[in-house]
């Protein structure tokens, strides 16, 4: 099959296929008559595998390592388990960081809603950001409009 058919059947773009070929994840034969890349059912199987592995957070480099194990007749399953067991706590930690970031953003928007817009005057770039995390002297301690200091 040509690249267009593979892309359509794999639900990816032509550029994605070209990138995977360049990375050595998918292989193509060249049609000697016209130079077109031709892909077989194995390329489609690998493409679908790549898509599934990406939904689990595997990088293209890791997917290449999985293919290397498979191509040498070795089971990649122990490596796959180890990678996810290592990565899961990292992902959970990142989620907590993102939740904290979302909280800070919400608090900033709440505080900024009562602040006037300021034009750069040679001393400031954006007063909203520059004054963030600074105690506001015009708002009593404990007032919801007072910036949260992290």
Protein backbone atom coordinates (compact mmCIF):
# COMPACT_ATOMS: atom_id res chain seq x y z
CA UNK A 1 0.00 0.00 0.00
CA UNK A 2 1.10 3.56 -0.63
CA UNK A 3 1.75 6.10 2.11
CA UNK A 4 -1.69 7.69 1.75
CA UNK A 5 -3.51 4.41 2.31
CA UNK A 6 -1.29 3.54 5.28
CA UNK A 7 -1.87 6.98 6.78
CA UNK A 8 -5.62 6.66 6.33
CA UNK A 9 -5.80 3.13 7.73
CA UNK A 10 -3.56 4.10 10.64
CA UNK A 11 -5.40 7.37 11.29
CA UNK A 12 -2.23 9.49 11.07
CA UNK A 13 -0.78 12.02 8.66
CA UNK A 14 1.63 11.39 5.81
CA UNK A 15 4.22 13.39 7.76
CA UNK A 16 3.84 11.07 10.73
CA UNK A 17 4.51 8.05 8.53
CA UNK A 18 7.58 9.74 7.04
CA UNK A 19 8.85 10.55 10.53
CA UNK A 20 8.37 6.96 11.70
CA UNK A 21 10.19 5.68 8.61
CA UNK A 22 13.02 8.14 9.29
CA UNK A 23 13.17 6.93 12.92
CA UNK A 24 13.34 3.30 11.73
CA UNK A 25 10.05 2.33 13.37
CA UNK A 26 8.28 1.48 10.12
CA UNK A 27 9.91 0.07 7.02
CA UNK A 28 9.01 0.60 3.39
CA UNK A 29 10.12 -0.88 0.12
CA UNK A 30 10.69 1.32 -2.92
CA UNK A 31 8.79 0.63 -6.10
CA UNK A 32 11.58 0.32 -8.68
CA UNK A 33 9.39 1.78 -11.43
CA UNK A 34 8.38 5.04 -9.77
CA UNK A 35 10.28 5.23 -6.45
CA UNK A 36 7.11 5.32 -4.36
CA UNK A 37 7.35 3.92 -0.87
CA UNK A 38 5.27 0.78 -0.49
CA UNK A 39 4.15 -0.51 2.88
CA UNK A 40 2.98 -3.97 3.85
CA UNK A 41 0.62 -5.24 6.54
CA UNK A 42 3.53 -5.36 9.01
CA UNK A 43 3.92 -1.59 8.66
CA UNK A 44 0.23 -1.13 9.45
CA UNK A 45 0.54 -3.47 12.45
CA UNK A 46 3.53 -1.51 13.74
CA UNK A 47 1.74 1.79 13.13
CA UNK A 48 -1.24 0.65 15.17
CA UNK A 49 1.11 -0.58 17.90
CA UNK A 50 2.86 2.81 17.96
CA UNK A 51 -0.49 4.56 18.37
CA UNK A 52 -1.45 2.30 21.29
CA UNK A 53 1.95 2.65 22.95
CA UNK A 54 1.80 6.45 22.62
CA UNK A 55 -1.56 6.47 24.46
CA UNK A 56 0.25 4.78 27.35
CA UNK A 57 2.94 7.46 27.38
CA UNK A 58 5.76 5.59 25.65
CA UNK A 59 8.21 7.74 23.71
CA UNK A 60 9.23 6.91 20.16
CA UNK A 61 12.67 5.96 21.48
CA UNK A 62 11.11 3.49 23.93
CA UNK A 63 8.88 2.09 21.19
CA UNK A 64 12.00 1.58 19.10
CA UNK A 65 13.53 -0.37 21.99
CA UNK A 66 10.39 -2.51 22.21
CA UNK A 67 10.65 -3.23 18.48
CA UNK A 68 14.34 -4.07 18.88
CA UNK A 69 13.52 -6.67 21.54
CA UNK A 70 10.76 -8.10 19.39
CA UNK A 71 12.90 -8.14 16.25
CA UNK A 72 15.55 -10.13 18.14
CA UNK A 73 12.97 -12.63 19.43
CA UNK A 74 13.11 -11.31 23.01
CA UNK A 75 10.04 -10.43 25.01
CA UNK A 76 9.81 -6.69 25.64
CA UNK A 77 7.13 -7.21 28.30
CA UNK A 78 9.43 -7.02 31.38
CA UNK A 79 10.91 -3.76 30.08
CA UNK A 80 7.43 -2.40 29.35
CA UNK A 81 6.25 -3.18 32.88
CA UNK A 82 9.36 -1.64 34.41
CA UNK A 83 8.98 1.53 32.37
CA UNK A 84 5.38 2.03 33.44
CA UNK A 85 6.10 1.21 37.07
CA UNK A 86 8.83 3.86 37.04
CA UNK A 87 6.82 6.40 35.09
CA UNK A 88 3.51 6.19 36.97
CA UNK A 89 4.74 7.93 40.16
CA UNK A 90 6.35 10.61 37.97
CA UNK A 91 3.07 11.18 36.15
CA UNK A 92 1.12 11.39 39.42
CA UNK A 93 3.65 13.93 40.71
CA UNK A 94 3.30 15.97 37.53
CA UNK A 95 -0.49 15.90 37.87
CA UNK A 96 -0.17 17.32 41.40
CA UNK A 97 2.14 20.05 40.07
CA UNK A 98 -0.34 20.90 37.32
CA UNK A 99 -3.21 21.02 39.83
CA UNK A 100 -1.17 23.45 41.95
CA UNK A 101 -0.45 25.52 38.85
CA UNK A 102 -4.16 25.60 37.98
CA UNK A 103 -4.93 26.78 41.52
CA UNK A 104 -2.33 29.58 41.25
CA UNK A 105 -3.74 30.60 37.87
CA UNK A 106 -7.29 30.75 39.24
CA UNK A 107 -6.15 32.83 42.21
CA UNK A 108 -4.21 35.17 39.95
CA UNK A 109 -7.21 35.67 37.68
CA UNK A 110 -9.39 36.35 40.71
CA UNK A 111 -6.98 38.98 42.04
CA UNK A 112 -6.32 40.47 38.61
CA UNK A 113 -10.02 40.93 37.89
CA UNK A 114 -10.04 43.88 40.31
CA UNK A 115 -6.76 45.39 39.10
CA UNK A 116 -6.55 48.00 36.34
CA UNK A 117 -4.65 47.36 33.14
CA UNK A 118 -1.37 49.21 32.97
CA UNK A 119 0.66 50.31 30.00
CA UNK A 120 4.41 49.71 29.94
CA UNK A 121 6.05 52.88 31.23
CA UNK A 122 9.73 52.03 31.08
CA UNK A 123 9.61 50.67 34.62
CA UNK A 124 7.10 47.85 34.20
CA UNK A 125 6.36 45.24 31.58
CA UNK A 126 3.08 43.82 32.92
CA UNK A 127 2.08 44.97 36.36
CA UNK A 128 -0.19 41.95 36.86
CA UNK A 129 2.73 39.53 36.75
CA UNK A 130 5.26 41.88 38.33
CA UNK A 131 3.07 42.43 41.37
CA UNK A 132 1.98 38.82 41.68
CA UNK A 133 3.01 37.22 44.99
CA UNK A 134 3.65 40.65 46.50
CA UNK A 135 1.49 41.50 49.50
CA UNK A 136 -1.01 44.19 48.56
CA UNK A 137 -1.04 47.00 51.08
CA UNK A 138 -4.47 48.27 50.01
CA UNK A 139 -6.20 44.97 50.83
CA UNK A 140 -6.59 43.75 54.42
CA UNK A 141 -4.87 40.50 55.46
CA UNK A 142 -7.14 37.53 54.78
CA UNK A 143 -9.14 39.31 52.04
CA UNK A 144 -9.77 37.03 49.02
CA UNK A 145 -8.34 39.70 46.68
CA UNK A 146 -4.96 39.58 48.39
CA UNK A 147 -2.44 37.59 46.27
CA UNK A 148 -1.50 34.19 47.53
CA UNK A 149 2.21 33.90 48.26
CA UNK A 150 3.55 30.51 47.15
